[in-house]
């Protein structure tokens, strides 16, 4: 989340989380790793 917050400082954290969740549900990205070291990657 910190990386996304740095990339998009004008967007609040809740909106970023909501957008990431929507992309996960649509299969546009994949979550990998543990909660505190979670990475979002493009599916192959």
N, C-alpha and C. Protein backbone atom coordinates (compact mmCIF):
# COMPACT_ATOMS: atom_id res chain seq x y z
N UNK A 1 0.82 -1.19 0.00
CA UNK A 1 0.00 0.00 0.00
C UNK A 1 0.87 1.26 0.00
N UNK A 2 1.98 1.21 0.69
CA UNK A 2 2.83 2.40 0.77
C UNK A 2 3.34 2.81 -0.60
N UNK A 3 3.67 1.84 -1.44
CA UNK A 3 4.12 2.17 -2.79
C UNK A 3 3.01 2.85 -3.58
N UNK A 4 1.79 2.33 -3.48
CA UNK A 4 0.67 2.93 -4.19
C UNK A 4 0.37 4.33 -3.65
N UNK A 5 0.48 4.50 -2.34
CA UNK A 5 0.23 5.81 -1.75
C UNK A 5 1.26 6.84 -2.23
N UNK A 6 2.50 6.40 -2.42
CA UNK A 6 3.54 7.31 -2.95
C UNK A 6 3.27 7.65 -4.41
N UNK A 7 2.81 6.66 -5.18
CA UNK A 7 2.53 6.88 -6.59
C UNK A 7 1.31 7.78 -6.81
N UNK A 8 0.32 7.66 -5.91
CA UNK A 8 -0.93 8.40 -6.04
C UNK A 8 -1.23 9.15 -4.74
N UNK A 9 -0.47 10.19 -4.43
CA UNK A 9 -0.63 10.88 -3.15
C UNK A 9 -1.97 11.60 -2.98
N UNK A 10 -2.64 11.90 -4.08
CA UNK A 10 -3.93 12.62 -3.99
C UNK A 10 -5.13 11.69 -3.82
N UNK A 11 -4.89 10.38 -3.83
CA UNK A 11 -5.96 9.40 -3.67
C UNK A 11 -5.88 8.82 -2.26
N UNK A 12 -7.02 8.79 -1.57
CA UNK A 12 -6.96 8.29 -0.19
C UNK A 12 -6.78 6.77 -0.16
N UNK A 13 -6.28 6.27 0.93
CA UNK A 13 -5.93 4.86 1.07
C UNK A 13 -7.13 3.95 0.84
N UNK A 14 -8.27 4.32 1.33
CA UNK A 14 -9.47 3.49 1.17
C UNK A 14 -9.83 3.31 -0.31
N UNK A 15 -9.71 4.36 -1.08
CA UNK A 15 -9.98 4.27 -2.52
C UNK A 15 -8.98 3.35 -3.21
N UNK A 16 -7.72 3.46 -2.84
CA UNK A 16 -6.70 2.58 -3.42
C UNK A 16 -7.00 1.12 -3.08
N UNK A 17 -7.37 0.84 -1.84
CA UNK A 17 -7.69 -0.52 -1.42
C UNK A 17 -8.90 -1.04 -2.20
N UNK A 18 -9.89 -0.22 -2.36
CA UNK A 18 -11.11 -0.61 -3.09
C UNK A 18 -10.79 -0.92 -4.55
N UNK A 19 -9.93 -0.10 -5.17
CA UNK A 19 -9.55 -0.32 -6.56
C UNK A 19 -8.73 -1.61 -6.71
N UNK A 20 -7.80 -1.86 -5.80
CA UNK A 20 -7.02 -3.09 -5.84
C UNK A 20 -7.92 -4.31 -5.68
N UNK A 21 -8.87 -4.24 -4.78
CA UNK A 21 -9.79 -5.36 -4.57
C UNK A 21 -10.60 -5.63 -5.83
N UNK A 22 -11.06 -4.58 -6.49
CA UNK A 22 -11.83 -4.75 -7.73
C UNK A 22 -10.97 -5.39 -8.82
N UNK A 23 -9.72 -4.97 -8.92
CA UNK A 23 -8.83 -5.56 -9.93
C UNK A 23 -8.54 -7.03 -9.62
N UNK A 24 -8.41 -7.37 -8.34
CA UNK A 24 -8.22 -8.76 -7.94
C UNK A 24 -9.42 -9.61 -8.33
N UNK A 25 -10.61 -9.11 -8.04
CA UNK A 25 -11.84 -9.85 -8.33
C UNK A 25 -12.03 -10.06 -9.83
N UNK A 26 -11.56 -9.13 -10.64
CA UNK A 26 -11.69 -9.25 -12.10
C UNK A 26 -10.55 -10.05 -12.72
N UNK A 27 -9.56 -10.43 -11.92
CA UNK A 27 -8.45 -11.21 -12.41
C UNK A 27 -7.40 -10.40 -13.16
N UNK A 28 -7.44 -9.08 -13.02
CA UNK A 28 -6.47 -8.23 -13.69
C UNK A 28 -5.10 -8.27 -13.02
N UNK A 29 -5.11 -8.52 -11.71
CA UNK A 29 -3.88 -8.66 -10.94
C UNK A 29 -4.02 -9.86 -10.01
N UNK A 30 -2.89 -10.32 -9.48
CA UNK A 30 -2.87 -11.46 -8.56
C UNK A 30 -2.10 -11.03 -7.32
N UNK A 31 -2.61 -11.38 -6.14
CA UNK A 31 -1.92 -11.08 -4.89
C UNK A 31 -1.00 -12.24 -4.56
N UNK A 32 0.22 -11.91 -4.14
CA UNK A 32 1.21 -12.94 -3.81
C UNK A 32 1.93 -12.54 -2.53
N UNK A 33 2.09 -13.50 -1.62
CA UNK A 33 2.84 -13.24 -0.41
C UNK A 33 1.97 -13.09 0.82
N UNK A 34 2.64 -12.88 1.95
CA UNK A 34 1.97 -12.72 3.24
C UNK A 34 1.37 -11.32 3.35
N UNK A 35 0.47 -11.15 4.29
CA UNK A 35 -0.24 -9.89 4.45
C UNK A 35 0.69 -8.69 4.58
N UNK A 36 1.73 -8.81 5.39
CA UNK A 36 2.61 -7.66 5.60
C UNK A 36 3.64 -7.48 4.48
N UNK A 37 3.72 -8.45 3.55
CA UNK A 37 4.62 -8.34 2.42
C UNK A 37 3.90 -8.69 1.11
N UNK A 38 2.66 -8.32 1.03
CA UNK A 38 1.83 -8.64 -0.11
C UNK A 38 2.29 -7.89 -1.35
N UNK A 39 2.36 -8.61 -2.46
CA UNK A 39 2.71 -8.02 -3.75
C UNK A 39 1.57 -8.24 -4.71
N UNK A 40 1.35 -7.29 -5.58
CA UNK A 40 0.35 -7.42 -6.62
C UNK A 40 1.09 -7.54 -7.94
N UNK A 41 0.78 -8.61 -8.67
CA UNK A 41 1.47 -8.84 -9.93
C UNK A 41 0.43 -9.09 -11.03
N UNK A 42 0.87 -8.91 -12.27
CA UNK A 42 0.02 -9.21 -13.41
C UNK A 42 0.03 -10.71 -13.63
N UNK A 43 -1.13 -11.31 -13.92
CA UNK A 43 -1.16 -12.74 -14.18
C UNK A 43 -0.43 -13.06 -15.48
N UNK A 44 0.16 -14.22 -15.53
CA UNK A 44 0.90 -14.63 -16.72
C UNK A 44 -0.03 -15.31 -17.71
